[in-house]
Amino acid sequence: MIVVERKTNETSIRVAMAIGAGRADVRTGVPFLDHMMTALARYSGLDLTIEATGDLRHHLIEDVALTVGEALRRVLPATCARYGERTVPMDEALVQAVLDAGGRPYYRGPIPSSLYEHWMRSFCDAAKVTLHLRVLRGHDRHHIVEAAFKALGFALRQALVDTGTVFSTKGAVSLGDA
């Protein structure tokens, strides 16, 4: 179990994460964020505990994304499958997530919520993953955002599989902490 804490003048975040069975215990004070983090845990197979408080919703959502991303970066096996892709329908919404957990941060969306668009970008930056989200159809913002988190979760589940092989022509990349 990896534990990452982030404390600023605006927020206090604690995330515990492990590759597991998709269990979640999430308490952020933002019901929709709790719902999305629980869905992410369930569909990715990550065991996730989040305790978070903050001054503004924007700060809280952003700092949860950064902390969850950092925790994911730390639990990624060096020999993970690296790539994952899933398309998820939710009522009228259809969203595709394509992921590369190869150490390069990049995000391409958008999804129709500035807060959760920012969550995705911050998460990718901290996790050092590439994520392309495509909203193929839909008009209900809740359904689109939820389908995006579920698709991300499924893509992570595929990418996290420990294969015993490094999927890179560079071999395993090691970055020293300065």
N, C-alpha and C. Protein backbone atom coordinates (compact mmCIF):
# COMPACT_ATOMS: atom_id res chain seq x y z
N MET A 1 0.86 -1.18 0.00
CA MET A 1 0.00 0.00 0.00
C MET A 1 0.90 1.23 0.00
N ILE A 2 0.66 2.11 -0.97
CA ILE A 2 1.39 3.37 -1.08
C ILE A 2 0.53 4.45 -0.42
N VAL A 3 1.15 5.30 0.37
CA VAL A 3 0.43 6.43 0.98
C VAL A 3 1.11 7.72 0.53
N VAL A 4 0.28 8.64 0.02
CA VAL A 4 0.77 9.94 -0.42
C VAL A 4 -0.06 11.00 0.29
N GLU A 5 0.62 11.98 0.87
CA GLU A 5 -0.07 13.09 1.53
C GLU A 5 0.33 14.39 0.86
N ARG A 6 -0.63 15.26 0.73
CA ARG A 6 -0.40 16.60 0.16
C ARG A 6 -1.07 17.60 1.08
N LYS A 7 -0.28 18.51 1.62
CA LYS A 7 -0.82 19.55 2.50
C LYS A 7 -0.39 20.91 1.96
N THR A 8 -1.37 21.79 1.80
CA THR A 8 -1.10 23.16 1.38
C THR A 8 -1.89 24.07 2.32
N ASN A 9 -1.81 25.36 2.10
CA ASN A 9 -2.64 26.29 2.86
C ASN A 9 -4.11 26.13 2.51
N GLU A 10 -4.40 25.49 1.36
CA GLU A 10 -5.77 25.36 0.87
C GLU A 10 -6.39 23.98 1.09
N THR A 11 -5.55 22.94 1.11
CA THR A 11 -6.09 21.57 1.20
C THR A 11 -5.22 20.67 2.05
N SER A 12 -5.83 19.58 2.48
CA SER A 12 -5.13 18.49 3.14
C SER A 12 -5.67 17.19 2.53
N ILE A 13 -4.80 16.45 1.84
CA ILE A 13 -5.20 15.26 1.11
C ILE A 13 -4.34 14.09 1.58
N ARG A 14 -4.99 12.95 1.81
CA ARG A 14 -4.27 11.70 2.10
C ARG A 14 -4.86 10.62 1.22
N VAL A 15 -3.99 9.97 0.43
CA VAL A 15 -4.40 8.91 -0.47
C VAL A 15 -3.59 7.67 -0.16
N ALA A 16 -4.27 6.55 0.03
CA ALA A 16 -3.63 5.24 0.15
C ALA A 16 -4.10 4.42 -1.05
N MET A 17 -3.16 3.77 -1.75
CA MET A 17 -3.50 3.05 -2.97
C MET A 17 -2.68 1.78 -3.09
N ALA A 18 -3.33 0.74 -3.62
CA ALA A 18 -2.65 -0.51 -3.94
C ALA A 18 -3.39 -1.17 -5.09
N ILE A 19 -2.66 -1.92 -5.89
CA ILE A 19 -3.32 -2.74 -6.91
C ILE A 19 -4.01 -3.86 -6.15
N GLY A 20 -5.32 -3.98 -6.34
CA GLY A 20 -6.06 -4.93 -5.52
C GLY A 20 -7.37 -5.36 -6.14
N ALA A 21 -8.46 -5.11 -5.41
CA ALA A 21 -9.78 -5.60 -5.80
C ALA A 21 -10.76 -4.48 -6.14
N GLY A 22 -10.31 -3.24 -6.12
CA GLY A 22 -11.20 -2.13 -6.45
C GLY A 22 -12.04 -1.64 -5.29
N ARG A 23 -11.55 -1.82 -4.08
CA ARG A 23 -12.27 -1.32 -2.90
C ARG A 23 -11.98 0.16 -2.72
N ALA A 24 -12.98 0.89 -2.25
CA ALA A 24 -12.80 2.34 -2.07
C ALA A 24 -13.43 2.80 -0.78
N ASP A 25 -12.74 3.73 -0.13
CA ASP A 25 -13.26 4.47 1.02
C ASP A 25 -12.86 5.92 0.77
N VAL A 26 -13.82 6.71 0.28
CA VAL A 26 -13.52 8.05 -0.20
C VAL A 26 -14.35 9.06 0.58
N ARG A 27 -13.65 10.04 1.17
CA ARG A 27 -14.32 11.11 1.92
C ARG A 27 -13.66 12.44 1.59
N THR A 28 -14.28 13.17 0.66
CA THR A 28 -13.74 14.47 0.26
C THR A 28 -14.66 15.63 0.63
N GLY A 29 -15.90 15.32 0.96
CA GLY A 29 -16.88 16.38 1.19
C GLY A 29 -17.54 16.88 -0.08
N VAL A 30 -17.13 16.35 -1.24
CA VAL A 30 -17.73 16.68 -2.53
C VAL A 30 -18.37 15.39 -3.04
N PRO A 31 -19.70 15.24 -2.91
CA PRO A 31 -20.34 13.96 -3.24
C PRO A 31 -20.05 13.44 -4.65
N PHE A 32 -20.04 14.30 -5.66
CA PHE A 32 -19.78 13.81 -7.01
C PHE A 32 -18.33 13.34 -7.15
N LEU A 33 -17.38 14.05 -6.55
CA LEU A 33 -15.98 13.62 -6.57
C LEU A 33 -15.84 12.27 -5.86
N ASP A 34 -16.51 12.10 -4.72
CA ASP A 34 -16.49 10.81 -4.02
C ASP A 34 -16.99 9.70 -4.94
N HIS A 35 -18.08 9.99 -5.65
CA HIS A 35 -18.68 9.02 -6.57
C HIS A 35 -17.71 8.67 -7.69
N MET A 36 -17.02 9.67 -8.27
CA MET A 36 -16.08 9.42 -9.36
C MET A 36 -14.85 8.65 -8.88
N MET A 37 -14.34 8.96 -7.69
CA MET A 37 -13.17 8.25 -7.18
C MET A 37 -13.53 6.80 -6.83
N THR A 38 -14.74 6.59 -6.34
CA THR A 38 -15.20 5.23 -6.06
C THR A 38 -15.33 4.44 -7.36
N ALA A 39 -15.88 5.06 -8.39
CA ALA A 39 -16.00 4.41 -9.70
C ALA A 39 -14.62 4.11 -10.26
N LEU A 40 -13.69 5.07 -10.17
CA LEU A 40 -12.33 4.85 -10.67
C LEU A 40 -11.70 3.65 -9.98
N ALA A 41 -11.82 3.57 -8.67
CA ALA A 41 -11.25 2.44 -7.93
C ALA A 41 -11.88 1.12 -8.38
N ARG A 42 -13.19 1.08 -8.44
CA ARG A 42 -13.90 -0.15 -8.79
C ARG A 42 -13.49 -0.66 -10.16
N TYR A 43 -13.50 0.22 -11.17
CA TYR A 43 -13.25 -0.21 -12.54
C TYR A 43 -11.78 -0.45 -12.83
N SER A 44 -10.89 0.19 -12.09
CA SER A 44 -9.45 0.00 -12.30
C SER A 44 -8.89 -1.20 -11.53
N GLY A 45 -9.61 -1.62 -10.49
CA GLY A 45 -9.08 -2.67 -9.62
C GLY A 45 -8.09 -2.14 -8.60
N LEU A 46 -8.07 -0.83 -8.42
CA LEU A 46 -7.19 -0.23 -7.41
C LEU A 46 -7.93 -0.12 -6.08
N ASP A 47 -7.30 -0.53 -5.00
CA ASP A 47 -7.84 -0.26 -3.67
C ASP A 47 -7.43 1.17 -3.34
N LEU A 48 -8.42 1.99 -2.96
CA LEU A 48 -8.19 3.42 -2.85
C LEU A 48 -8.88 3.97 -1.61
N THR A 49 -8.11 4.65 -0.78
CA THR A 49 -8.65 5.37 0.36
C THR A 49 -8.25 6.83 0.19
N ILE A 50 -9.25 7.72 0.26
CA ILE A 50 -8.98 9.14 0.13
C ILE A 50 -9.66 9.87 1.28
N GLU A 51 -8.89 10.69 1.99
CA GLU A 51 -9.42 11.60 3.00
C GLU A 51 -8.96 12.99 2.58
N ALA A 52 -9.90 13.90 2.36
CA ALA A 52 -9.53 15.21 1.83
C ALA A 52 -10.42 16.30 2.40
N THR A 53 -9.81 17.43 2.69
CA THR A 53 -10.54 18.63 3.08
C THR A 53 -9.90 19.80 2.34
N GLY A 54 -10.68 20.84 2.13
CA GLY A 54 -10.13 21.99 1.44
C GLY A 54 -11.04 23.19 1.52
N ASP A 55 -10.50 24.32 1.09
CA ASP A 55 -11.24 25.57 1.18
C ASP A 55 -12.25 25.73 0.04
N LEU A 56 -11.87 25.44 -1.19
CA LEU A 56 -12.74 25.60 -2.35
C LEU A 56 -12.84 24.29 -3.11
N ARG A 57 -13.97 24.06 -3.76
CA ARG A 57 -14.15 22.83 -4.56
C ARG A 57 -13.04 22.69 -5.59
N HIS A 58 -12.72 23.77 -6.28
CA HIS A 58 -11.68 23.71 -7.31
C HIS A 58 -10.35 23.23 -6.73
N HIS A 59 -9.93 23.81 -5.62
CA HIS A 59 -8.66 23.41 -5.00
C HIS A 59 -8.69 21.95 -4.56
N LEU A 60 -9.79 21.55 -3.97
CA LEU A 60 -9.93 20.18 -3.48
C LEU A 60 -9.87 19.18 -4.63
N ILE A 61 -10.63 19.43 -5.69
CA ILE A 61 -10.66 18.51 -6.83
C ILE A 61 -9.29 18.43 -7.49
N GLU A 62 -8.64 19.57 -7.68
CA GLU A 62 -7.31 19.57 -8.29
C GLU A 62 -6.30 18.82 -7.43
N ASP A 63 -6.29 19.08 -6.13
CA ASP A 63 -5.30 18.45 -5.26
C ASP A 63 -5.56 16.96 -5.07
N VAL A 64 -6.81 16.54 -5.11
CA VAL A 64 -7.11 15.10 -5.10
C VAL A 64 -6.53 14.47 -6.37
N ALA A 65 -6.72 15.11 -7.51
CA ALA A 65 -6.17 14.59 -8.77
C ALA A 65 -4.65 14.45 -8.71
N LEU A 66 -3.98 15.48 -8.21
CA LEU A 66 -2.52 15.44 -8.11
C LEU A 66 -2.05 14.33 -7.17
N THR A 67 -2.75 14.14 -6.07
CA THR A 67 -2.34 13.14 -5.08
C THR A 67 -2.66 11.73 -5.57
N VAL A 68 -3.82 11.53 -6.17
CA VAL A 68 -4.15 10.22 -6.75
C VAL A 68 -3.17 9.90 -7.88
N GLY A 69 -2.85 10.88 -8.70
CA GLY A 69 -1.88 10.67 -9.78
C GLY A 69 -0.51 10.27 -9.26
N GLU A 70 -0.04 10.96 -8.23
CA GLU A 70 1.26 10.62 -7.64
C GLU A 70 1.24 9.20 -7.06
N ALA A 71 0.15 8.84 -6.40
CA ALA A 71 0.04 7.49 -5.84
C ALA A 71 0.07 6.46 -6.96
N LEU A 72 -0.65 6.72 -8.05
CA LEU A 72 -0.64 5.78 -9.17
C LEU A 72 0.77 5.64 -9.74
N ARG A 73 1.46 6.75 -9.91
CA ARG A 73 2.84 6.69 -10.42
C ARG A 73 3.70 5.77 -9.58
N ARG A 74 3.49 5.80 -8.27
CA ARG A 74 4.31 4.99 -7.36
C ARG A 74 3.91 3.51 -7.35
N VAL A 75 2.65 3.19 -7.66
CA VAL A 75 2.25 1.77 -7.64
C VAL A 75 2.41 1.08 -8.99
N LEU A 76 2.66 1.83 -10.05
CA LEU A 76 2.80 1.23 -11.38
C LEU A 76 3.97 0.25 -11.40
N PRO A 77 3.74 -1.01 -11.73
CA PRO A 77 4.86 -1.94 -11.88
C PRO A 77 5.71 -1.56 -13.07
N ALA A 78 7.04 -1.68 -12.96
CA ALA A 78 7.94 -1.38 -14.08
C ALA A 78 7.62 -2.27 -15.28
N THR A 79 7.07 -3.44 -15.01
CA THR A 79 6.76 -4.38 -16.08
C THR A 79 5.25 -4.48 -16.34
N CYS A 80 4.56 -3.36 -16.15
CA CYS A 80 3.12 -3.35 -16.44
C CYS A 80 2.88 -3.42 -17.95
N ALA A 81 1.69 -3.82 -18.32
CA ALA A 81 1.32 -3.92 -19.74
C ALA A 81 1.41 -2.56 -20.44
N ARG A 82 1.31 -1.50 -19.67
CA ARG A 82 1.51 -0.12 -20.11
C ARG A 82 0.33 0.49 -20.83
N TYR A 83 -0.27 -0.21 -21.77
CA TYR A 83 -1.34 0.36 -22.59
C TYR A 83 -2.70 -0.18 -22.18
N GLY A 84 -3.72 0.68 -22.28
CA GLY A 84 -5.09 0.25 -22.02
C GLY A 84 -6.05 1.10 -22.83
N GLU A 85 -7.18 0.50 -23.17
CA GLU A 85 -8.21 1.21 -23.94
C GLU A 85 -9.56 0.63 -23.60
N ARG A 86 -10.55 1.52 -23.46
CA ARG A 86 -11.92 1.07 -23.23
C ARG A 86 -12.88 2.14 -23.67
N THR A 87 -13.98 1.71 -24.23
CA THR A 87 -15.09 2.59 -24.56
C THR A 87 -16.25 2.18 -23.67
N VAL A 88 -16.85 3.16 -23.00
CA VAL A 88 -17.92 2.89 -22.04
C VAL A 88 -19.18 3.67 -22.42
N PRO A 89 -20.32 2.96 -22.52
CA PRO A 89 -21.59 3.65 -22.69
C PRO A 89 -22.22 3.92 -21.32
N MET A 90 -22.89 5.02 -21.20
CA MET A 90 -23.71 5.29 -20.02
C MET A 90 -24.92 6.06 -20.51
N ASP A 91 -26.03 5.34 -20.63
CA ASP A 91 -27.24 5.90 -21.22
C ASP A 91 -26.92 6.47 -22.60
N GLU A 92 -27.13 7.76 -22.83
CA GLU A 92 -26.90 8.34 -24.15
C GLU A 92 -25.43 8.68 -24.40
N ALA A 93 -24.59 8.60 -23.36
CA ALA A 93 -23.18 8.97 -23.47
C ALA A 93 -22.34 7.77 -23.90
N LEU A 94 -21.31 8.06 -24.67
CA LEU A 94 -20.35 7.05 -25.10
C LEU A 94 -18.98 7.72 -25.08
N VAL A 95 -18.07 7.19 -24.23
CA VAL A 95 -16.76 7.82 -24.03
C VAL A 95 -15.67 6.76 -24.16
N GLN A 96 -14.61 7.11 -24.88
CA GLN A 96 -13.46 6.24 -25.07
C GLN A 96 -12.26 6.82 -24.32
N ALA A 97 -11.54 5.95 -23.62
CA ALA A 97 -10.28 6.33 -22.96
C ALA A 97 -9.17 5.45 -23.52
N VAL A 98 -8.08 6.08 -23.94
CA VAL A 98 -6.90 5.37 -24.42
C VAL A 98 -5.73 5.86 -23.58
N LEU A 99 -5.00 4.92 -22.97
CA LEU A 99 -4.01 5.24 -21.95
C LEU A 99 -2.66 4.62 -22.26
N ASP A 100 -1.59 5.35 -21.97
CA ASP A 100 -0.22 4.85 -22.00
C ASP A 100 0.42 5.21 -20.67
N ALA A 101 0.76 4.21 -19.88
CA ALA A 101 1.38 4.42 -18.57
C ALA A 101 2.91 4.35 -18.70
N GLY A 102 3.43 4.91 -19.77
CA GLY A 102 4.85 4.80 -20.06
C GLY A 102 5.72 5.93 -19.57
N GLY A 103 5.20 6.80 -18.70
CA GLY A 103 6.04 7.82 -18.09
C GLY A 103 6.01 9.18 -18.76
N ARG A 104 5.13 9.36 -19.74
CA ARG A 104 5.05 10.66 -20.41
C ARG A 104 3.70 11.31 -20.11
N PRO A 105 3.71 12.43 -19.39
CA PRO A 105 2.44 13.08 -19.06
C PRO A 105 1.85 13.83 -20.25
N TYR A 106 0.62 13.50 -20.58
CA TYR A 106 -0.09 14.20 -21.65
C TYR A 106 -1.58 13.91 -21.47
N TYR A 107 -2.39 14.93 -21.69
CA TYR A 107 -3.85 14.73 -21.64
C TYR A 107 -4.48 15.42 -22.83
N ARG A 108 -5.41 14.74 -23.44
CA ARG A 108 -6.21 15.33 -24.52
C ARG A 108 -7.67 14.96 -24.28
N GLY A 109 -8.52 15.96 -24.19
CA GLY A 109 -9.94 15.77 -24.02
C GLY A 109 -10.66 16.48 -25.14
N PRO A 110 -11.68 17.22 -24.83
CA PRO A 110 -12.17 17.57 -23.50
C PRO A 110 -13.39 16.75 -23.10
N ILE A 111 -13.72 16.88 -21.81
CA ILE A 111 -15.01 16.45 -21.31
C ILE A 111 -15.76 17.71 -20.87
N PRO A 112 -17.09 17.67 -20.84
CA PRO A 112 -17.87 18.91 -20.65
C PRO A 112 -18.04 19.37 -19.20
N SER A 113 -16.93 19.43 -18.47
CA SER A 113 -16.93 19.96 -17.11
C SER A 113 -15.55 20.53 -16.86
N SER A 114 -15.45 21.82 -16.64
CA SER A 114 -14.12 22.41 -16.45
C SER A 114 -13.42 21.85 -15.22
N LEU A 115 -14.15 21.55 -14.15
CA LEU A 115 -13.53 20.99 -12.95
C LEU A 115 -12.96 19.60 -13.21
N TYR A 116 -13.72 18.75 -13.88
CA TYR A 116 -13.26 17.38 -14.10
C TYR A 116 -12.33 17.28 -15.31
N GLU A 117 -12.40 18.23 -16.23
CA GLU A 117 -11.38 18.35 -17.28
C GLU A 117 -10.04 18.68 -16.61
N HIS A 118 -10.07 19.58 -15.65
CA HIS A 118 -8.86 19.93 -14.90
C HIS A 118 -8.38 18.74 -14.06
N TRP A 119 -9.31 17.95 -13.50
CA TRP A 119 -8.93 16.75 -12.74
C TRP A 119 -8.13 15.82 -13.65
N MET A 120 -8.62 15.57 -14.84
CA MET A 120 -7.95 14.64 -15.77
C MET A 120 -6.54 15.14 -16.11
N ARG A 121 -6.42 16.42 -16.43
CA ARG A 121 -5.11 16.98 -16.79
C ARG A 121 -4.14 16.90 -15.60
N SER A 122 -4.58 17.28 -14.42
CA SER A 122 -3.73 17.25 -13.22
C SER A 122 -3.33 15.82 -12.88
N PHE A 123 -4.27 14.89 -12.97
CA PHE A 123 -4.00 13.48 -12.73
C PHE A 123 -2.91 12.96 -13.68
N CYS A 124 -3.05 13.25 -14.98
CA CYS A 124 -2.06 12.79 -15.96
C CYS A 124 -0.69 13.38 -15.70
N ASP A 125 -0.64 14.66 -15.36
CA ASP A 125 0.65 15.30 -15.06
C ASP A 125 1.34 14.62 -13.89
N ALA A 126 0.59 14.36 -12.82
CA ALA A 126 1.19 13.76 -11.62
C ALA A 126 1.51 12.28 -11.80
N ALA A 127 0.65 11.54 -12.51
CA ALA A 127 0.87 10.11 -12.71
C ALA A 127 1.90 9.84 -13.80
N LYS A 128 2.17 10.86 -14.62
CA LYS A 128 3.06 10.71 -15.77
C LYS A 128 2.52 9.65 -16.74
N VAL A 129 1.22 9.81 -17.06
CA VAL A 129 0.57 8.95 -18.04
C VAL A 129 0.03 9.81 -19.17
N THR A 130 -0.14 9.18 -20.32
CA THR A 130 -0.80 9.81 -21.47
C THR A 130 -2.23 9.29 -21.50
N LEU A 131 -3.19 10.21 -21.61
CA LEU A 131 -4.60 9.84 -21.68
C LEU A 131 -5.28 10.64 -22.77
N HIS A 132 -5.94 9.94 -23.66
CA HIS A 132 -6.80 10.56 -24.66
C HIS A 132 -8.23 10.15 -24.34
N LEU A 133 -9.08 11.12 -24.09
CA LEU A 133 -10.51 10.88 -23.87
C LEU A 133 -11.27 11.43 -25.07
N ARG A 134 -12.15 10.61 -25.61
CA ARG A 134 -13.00 11.05 -26.72
C ARG A 134 -14.46 10.85 -26.33
N VAL A 135 -15.20 11.93 -26.32
CA VAL A 135 -16.64 11.85 -26.11
C VAL A 135 -17.24 11.59 -27.49
N LEU A 136 -17.69 10.36 -27.70
CA LEU A 136 -18.21 9.98 -29.00
C LEU A 136 -19.65 10.45 -29.20
N ARG A 137 -20.40 10.48 -28.09
CA ARG A 137 -21.74 11.06 -28.13
C ARG A 137 -22.22 11.27 -26.71
N GLY A 138 -23.29 12.03 -26.57
CA GLY A 138 -23.90 12.28 -25.28
C GLY A 138 -24.20 13.75 -25.09
N HIS A 139 -25.16 14.03 -24.21
CA HIS A 139 -25.50 15.42 -23.90
C HIS A 139 -25.63 15.68 -22.40
N ASP A 140 -25.80 14.65 -21.60
CA ASP A 140 -25.91 14.82 -20.16
C ASP A 140 -24.49 14.84 -19.56
N ARG A 141 -24.09 15.99 -18.99
CA ARG A 141 -22.73 16.14 -18.45
C ARG A 141 -22.39 15.07 -17.42
N HIS A 142 -23.32 14.78 -16.52
CA HIS A 142 -23.09 13.76 -15.49
C HIS A 142 -22.75 12.42 -16.15
N HIS A 143 -23.53 12.02 -17.14
CA HIS A 143 -23.30 10.73 -17.80
C HIS A 143 -21.96 10.71 -18.53
N ILE A 144 -21.62 11.81 -19.19
CA ILE A 144 -20.35 11.87 -19.92
C ILE A 144 -19.17 11.79 -18.97
N VAL A 145 -19.19 12.57 -17.91
CA VAL A 145 -18.08 12.57 -16.95
C VAL A 145 -17.96 11.21 -16.27
N GLU A 146 -19.08 10.64 -15.88
CA GLU A 146 -19.02 9.32 -15.23
C GLU A 146 -18.53 8.25 -16.19
N ALA A 147 -18.98 8.27 -17.43
CA ALA A 147 -18.48 7.32 -18.43
C ALA A 147 -16.97 7.50 -18.63
N ALA A 148 -16.48 8.75 -18.59
CA ALA A 148 -15.05 9.02 -18.74
C ALA A 148 -14.25 8.39 -17.60
N PHE A 149 -14.72 8.53 -16.36
CA PHE A 149 -14.01 7.93 -15.23
C PHE A 149 -14.05 6.41 -15.28
N LYS A 150 -15.17 5.85 -15.70
CA LYS A 150 -15.26 4.39 -15.82
C LYS A 150 -14.35 3.88 -16.93
N ALA A 151 -14.33 4.58 -18.07
CA ALA A 151 -13.46 4.18 -19.17
C ALA A 151 -11.99 4.30 -18.75
N LEU A 152 -11.64 5.38 -18.04
CA LEU A 152 -10.29 5.52 -17.52
C LEU A 152 -9.96 4.36 -16.58
N GLY A 153 -10.89 4.00 -15.72
CA GLY A 153 -10.66 2.89 -14.80
C GLY A 153 -10.39 1.59 -15.54
N PHE A 154 -11.22 1.26 -16.52
CA PHE A 154 -11.00 0.04 -17.29
C PHE A 154 -9.67 0.07 -18.04
N ALA A 155 -9.31 1.22 -18.62
CA ALA A 155 -8.03 1.34 -19.33
C ALA A 155 -6.86 1.14 -18.35
N LEU A 156 -6.99 1.70 -17.15
CA LEU A 156 -5.96 1.48 -16.13
C LEU A 156 -5.86 0.00 -15.76
N ARG A 157 -6.99 -0.66 -15.61
CA ARG A 157 -6.98 -2.09 -15.26
C ARG A 157 -6.14 -2.88 -16.28
N GLN A 158 -6.32 -2.57 -17.57
CA GLN A 158 -5.53 -3.25 -18.62
C GLN A 158 -4.06 -2.88 -18.51
N ALA A 159 -3.77 -1.61 -18.32
CA ALA A 159 -2.39 -1.14 -18.31
C ALA A 159 -1.60 -1.61 -17.10
N LEU A 160 -2.28 -1.82 -15.97
CA LEU A 160 -1.61 -2.17 -14.72
C LEU A 160 -1.17 -3.63 -14.63
N VAL A 161 -1.64 -4.47 -15.51
CA VAL A 161 -1.30 -5.90 -15.44
C VAL A 161 0.21 -6.06 -15.49
N ASP A 162 0.76 -6.76 -14.50
CA ASP A 162 2.20 -6.99 -14.46
C ASP A 162 2.54 -8.16 -15.37
N THR A 163 3.23 -7.87 -16.46
CA THR A 163 3.53 -8.87 -17.49
C THR A 163 4.88 -9.55 -17.29
N GLY A 164 5.74 -8.96 -16.46
CA GLY A 164 7.09 -9.49 -16.31
C GLY A 164 8.03 -8.99 -17.40
N THR A 165 7.51 -8.19 -18.31
CA THR A 165 8.30 -7.67 -19.42
C THR A 165 8.16 -6.15 -19.48
N VAL A 166 9.27 -5.46 -19.73
CA VAL A 166 9.22 -4.02 -19.90
C VAL A 166 8.82 -3.73 -21.34
N PHE A 167 7.70 -3.02 -21.54
CA PHE A 167 7.22 -2.69 -22.87
C PHE A 167 7.76 -1.33 -23.31
N SER A 168 9.05 -1.32 -23.61
CA SER A 168 9.70 -0.11 -24.12
C SER A 168 11.00 -0.52 -24.78
N THR A 169 11.31 0.05 -25.92
CA THR A 169 12.60 -0.21 -26.55
C THR A 169 13.74 0.40 -25.75
N LYS A 170 13.42 1.34 -24.85
CA LYS A 170 14.42 1.96 -23.99
C LYS A 170 14.79 1.07 -22.81
N GLY A 171 13.96 0.07 -22.53
CA GLY A 171 14.13 -0.73 -21.32
C GLY A 171 13.50 0.00 -20.15
N ALA A 172 13.77 -0.45 -18.95
CA ALA A 172 13.24 0.21 -17.77
C ALA A 172 13.92 1.55 -17.60
N VAL A 173 13.15 2.60 -17.41
CA VAL A 173 13.68 3.95 -17.24
C VAL A 173 13.77 4.23 -15.74
N SER A 174 14.90 4.70 -15.28
CA SER A 174 15.10 5.03 -13.88
C SER A 174 15.38 6.51 -13.77
N LEU A 175 14.61 7.18 -12.94
CA LEU A 175 14.82 8.61 -12.69
C LEU A 175 15.21 8.79 -11.24
N GLY A 176 16.35 9.37 -11.00
CA GLY A 176 16.78 9.60 -9.63
C GLY A 176 16.12 10.83 -9.05
N ASP A 177 15.82 10.79 -7.77
CA ASP A 177 15.25 11.97 -7.10
C ASP A 177 16.39 12.93 -6.81
N ALA A 178 16.20 14.18 -7.18
CA ALA A 178 17.25 15.19 -6.97
C ALA A 178 17.05 15.89 -5.66
